[in-house]
Amino acid sequence: MKNTLRNTLIALVTFSSSAFAAGSTSASGGGLLLSLFVGFFALIIVCQLVPATIMLIGILKGLFSRDSKEVASH
């Protein structure tokens, strides 16, 4: 059991060393395509927030309005 665990750890360290030496993770390393990808989804979120805000304002106006109208029942 100790031998298997030792061999597994040696293999893990050996094969993962190239992943640790892959390079730096700088903020400017993303490139244009990554910026367009993030910007596209930010645009989708903003476009959904505008109608939601308008609807929330309408709901709040309806809840806090002093004008009370009776609904005619059939």
N, C-alpha and C. Protein backbone atom coordinates (compact mmCIF):
# COMPACT_ATOMS: atom_id res chain seq x y z
N MET A 1 0.82 -1.19 0.00
CA MET A 1 0.00 0.00 0.00
C MET A 1 0.87 1.26 0.00
N LYS A 2 1.94 1.24 0.81
CA LYS A 2 2.83 2.40 0.85
C LYS A 2 3.53 2.59 -0.49
N ASN A 3 3.88 1.50 -1.11
CA ASN A 3 4.57 1.57 -2.39
C ASN A 3 3.67 2.16 -3.47
N THR A 4 2.40 1.78 -3.47
CA THR A 4 1.44 2.30 -4.44
C THR A 4 1.20 3.79 -4.23
N LEU A 5 1.06 4.18 -2.97
CA LEU A 5 0.84 5.59 -2.66
C LEU A 5 2.06 6.43 -3.05
N ARG A 6 3.26 5.91 -2.77
CA ARG A 6 4.48 6.63 -3.13
C ARG A 6 4.60 6.77 -4.64
N ASN A 7 4.31 5.71 -5.39
CA ASN A 7 4.40 5.78 -6.85
C ASN A 7 3.35 6.73 -7.43
N THR A 8 2.17 6.74 -6.83
CA THR A 8 1.13 7.65 -7.29
C THR A 8 1.54 9.10 -7.08
N LEU A 9 2.10 9.40 -5.92
CA LEU A 9 2.54 10.77 -5.65
C LEU A 9 3.70 11.18 -6.55
N ILE A 10 4.61 10.28 -6.82
CA ILE A 10 5.72 10.59 -7.72
C ILE A 10 5.20 10.87 -9.13
N ALA A 11 4.26 10.06 -9.60
CA ALA A 11 3.69 10.28 -10.93
C ALA A 11 2.93 11.60 -10.99
N LEU A 12 2.20 11.92 -9.92
CA LEU A 12 1.43 13.16 -9.87
C LEU A 12 2.36 14.37 -9.94
N VAL A 13 3.42 14.36 -9.16
CA VAL A 13 4.36 15.48 -9.16
C VAL A 13 5.10 15.57 -10.50
N THR A 14 5.45 14.44 -11.07
CA THR A 14 6.19 14.44 -12.33
C THR A 14 5.35 14.99 -13.48
N PHE A 15 4.13 14.54 -13.57
CA PHE A 15 3.30 14.95 -14.71
C PHE A 15 2.68 16.34 -14.53
N SER A 16 2.55 16.82 -13.31
CA SER A 16 1.96 18.14 -13.11
C SER A 16 2.99 19.26 -13.13
N SER A 17 4.26 18.93 -13.16
CA SER A 17 5.28 19.98 -13.15
C SER A 17 5.23 20.82 -14.42
N SER A 18 4.87 20.23 -15.55
CA SER A 18 4.78 21.01 -16.78
C SER A 18 3.58 21.96 -16.75
N ALA A 19 2.54 21.60 -16.02
CA ALA A 19 1.39 22.50 -15.91
C ALA A 19 1.73 23.71 -15.05
N PHE A 20 2.54 23.51 -14.01
CA PHE A 20 2.93 24.63 -13.16
C PHE A 20 3.90 25.57 -13.88
N ALA A 21 4.64 25.08 -14.83
CA ALA A 21 5.60 25.89 -15.56
C ALA A 21 5.03 26.39 -16.88
N ALA A 22 3.71 26.41 -17.01
CA ALA A 22 3.09 26.76 -18.29
C ALA A 22 3.23 28.23 -18.63
N GLY A 23 3.40 29.09 -17.67
CA GLY A 23 3.56 30.50 -17.98
C GLY A 23 2.86 31.34 -16.95
N SER A 24 2.98 32.62 -17.13
CA SER A 24 2.38 33.54 -16.16
C SER A 24 0.93 33.80 -16.52
N THR A 25 0.17 34.13 -15.51
CA THR A 25 -1.23 34.47 -15.72
C THR A 25 -1.40 35.97 -15.51
N SER A 26 -1.07 36.74 -16.51
CA SER A 26 -1.19 38.18 -16.42
C SER A 26 -2.57 38.63 -16.89
N ALA A 27 -2.95 39.82 -16.50
CA ALA A 27 -4.27 40.34 -16.84
C ALA A 27 -4.40 40.66 -18.33
N SER A 28 -3.31 40.99 -18.99
CA SER A 28 -3.38 41.36 -20.39
C SER A 28 -3.18 40.17 -21.33
N GLY A 29 -3.10 38.97 -20.79
CA GLY A 29 -2.83 37.81 -21.61
C GLY A 29 -4.07 37.22 -22.27
N GLY A 30 -5.25 37.77 -22.04
CA GLY A 30 -6.47 37.20 -22.55
C GLY A 30 -6.66 37.38 -24.04
N GLY A 31 -6.38 38.54 -24.53
CA GLY A 31 -6.52 38.80 -25.94
C GLY A 31 -7.87 39.39 -26.30
N LEU A 32 -8.02 39.66 -27.57
CA LEU A 32 -9.21 40.33 -28.07
C LEU A 32 -10.44 39.43 -28.01
N LEU A 33 -10.28 38.16 -28.31
CA LEU A 33 -11.42 37.26 -28.33
C LEU A 33 -12.04 37.09 -26.95
N LEU A 34 -11.23 37.02 -25.92
CA LEU A 34 -11.73 36.91 -24.55
C LEU A 34 -12.47 38.17 -24.15
N SER A 35 -11.95 39.31 -24.54
CA SER A 35 -12.62 40.58 -24.22
C SER A 35 -13.97 40.67 -24.92
N LEU A 36 -14.04 40.24 -26.16
CA LEU A 36 -15.31 40.25 -26.88
C LEU A 36 -16.31 39.28 -26.26
N PHE A 37 -15.84 38.14 -25.81
CA PHE A 37 -16.69 37.13 -25.17
C PHE A 37 -17.30 37.68 -23.89
N VAL A 38 -16.47 38.27 -23.04
CA VAL A 38 -16.97 38.84 -21.78
C VAL A 38 -17.87 40.04 -22.06
N GLY A 39 -17.50 40.86 -23.01
CA GLY A 39 -18.33 42.02 -23.35
C GLY A 39 -19.69 41.64 -23.90
N PHE A 40 -19.75 40.56 -24.67
CA PHE A 40 -21.03 40.11 -25.21
C PHE A 40 -21.99 39.71 -24.10
N PHE A 41 -21.49 38.96 -23.12
CA PHE A 41 -22.36 38.54 -22.03
C PHE A 41 -22.70 39.70 -21.10
N ALA A 42 -21.81 40.68 -20.97
CA ALA A 42 -22.14 41.88 -20.20
C ALA A 42 -23.25 42.66 -20.90
N LEU A 43 -23.22 42.71 -22.22
CA LEU A 43 -24.26 43.38 -22.98
C LEU A 43 -25.60 42.69 -22.81
N ILE A 44 -25.61 41.37 -22.79
CA ILE A 44 -26.85 40.62 -22.58
C ILE A 44 -27.42 40.94 -21.21
N ILE A 45 -26.58 40.99 -20.18
CA ILE A 45 -27.06 41.27 -18.83
C ILE A 45 -27.63 42.69 -18.74
N VAL A 46 -26.95 43.65 -19.33
CA VAL A 46 -27.43 45.03 -19.30
C VAL A 46 -28.75 45.16 -20.05
N CYS A 47 -28.88 44.49 -21.17
CA CYS A 47 -30.12 44.56 -21.94
C CYS A 47 -31.28 43.92 -21.20
N GLN A 48 -31.02 43.00 -20.30
CA GLN A 48 -32.09 42.40 -19.50
C GLN A 48 -32.39 43.24 -18.27
N LEU A 49 -31.44 44.03 -17.80
CA LEU A 49 -31.67 44.85 -16.62
C LEU A 49 -32.54 46.06 -16.91
N VAL A 50 -32.48 46.60 -18.12
CA VAL A 50 -33.27 47.79 -18.45
C VAL A 50 -34.77 47.51 -18.37
N PRO A 51 -35.32 46.48 -19.03
CA PRO A 51 -36.75 46.21 -18.89
C PRO A 51 -37.14 45.77 -17.47
N ALA A 52 -36.24 45.08 -16.79
CA ALA A 52 -36.54 44.66 -15.42
C ALA A 52 -36.66 45.87 -14.50
N THR A 53 -35.82 46.87 -14.70
CA THR A 53 -35.88 48.08 -13.88
C THR A 53 -37.15 48.86 -14.18
N ILE A 54 -37.53 48.94 -15.43
CA ILE A 54 -38.77 49.64 -15.79
C ILE A 54 -39.98 48.92 -15.19
N MET A 55 -39.97 47.59 -15.22
CA MET A 55 -41.07 46.83 -14.64
C MET A 55 -41.11 46.99 -13.12
N LEU A 56 -39.96 47.02 -12.46
CA LEU A 56 -39.92 47.20 -11.02
C LEU A 56 -40.46 48.56 -10.62
N ILE A 57 -40.12 49.59 -11.38
CA ILE A 57 -40.65 50.93 -11.10
C ILE A 57 -42.16 50.95 -11.26
N GLY A 58 -42.68 50.28 -12.29
CA GLY A 58 -44.13 50.21 -12.49
C GLY A 58 -44.82 49.47 -11.36
N ILE A 59 -44.23 48.38 -10.89
CA ILE A 59 -44.81 47.62 -9.78
C ILE A 59 -44.83 48.46 -8.51
N LEU A 60 -43.72 49.16 -8.25
CA LEU A 60 -43.66 50.00 -7.05
C LEU A 60 -44.65 51.15 -7.12
N LYS A 61 -44.82 51.74 -8.30
CA LYS A 61 -45.82 52.79 -8.45
C LYS A 61 -47.22 52.24 -8.21
N GLY A 62 -47.49 51.04 -8.69
CA GLY A 62 -48.80 50.43 -8.49
C GLY A 62 -49.06 50.07 -7.03
N LEU A 63 -48.03 49.64 -6.33
CA LEU A 63 -48.21 49.27 -4.93
C LEU A 63 -48.40 50.48 -4.02
N PHE A 64 -47.69 51.55 -4.30
CA PHE A 64 -47.70 52.69 -3.40
C PHE A 64 -48.53 53.86 -3.90
N SER A 65 -49.36 53.64 -4.89
CA SER A 65 -50.21 54.73 -5.38
C SER A 65 -51.39 54.91 -4.42
N ARG A 66 -51.85 56.14 -4.28
CA ARG A 66 -52.97 56.44 -3.39
C ARG A 66 -54.31 56.22 -4.09
N ASP A 67 -54.29 56.13 -5.39
CA ASP A 67 -55.51 55.96 -6.16
C ASP A 67 -55.99 54.53 -6.04
N SER A 68 -57.15 54.32 -5.42
CA SER A 68 -57.66 52.96 -5.29
C SER A 68 -58.86 52.80 -6.22
N LYS A 69 -58.76 51.86 -7.12
CA LYS A 69 -59.84 51.60 -8.07
C LYS A 69 -60.48 50.26 -7.71
N GLU A 70 -61.78 50.21 -7.81
CA GLU A 70 -62.47 48.95 -7.54
C GLU A 70 -62.53 48.15 -8.84
N VAL A 71 -62.32 46.88 -8.71
CA VAL A 71 -62.40 45.99 -9.84
C VAL A 71 -63.81 45.45 -9.91
N ALA A 72 -64.44 45.60 -11.09
CA ALA A 72 -65.82 45.14 -11.25
C ALA A 72 -65.81 43.63 -11.42
N SER A 73 -66.60 42.96 -10.61
CA SER A 73 -66.68 41.49 -10.71
C SER A 73 -67.89 41.13 -11.55
N HIS A 74 -67.80 40.05 -12.27
CA HIS A 74 -68.89 39.63 -13.16
C HIS A 74 -69.78 38.69 -12.46
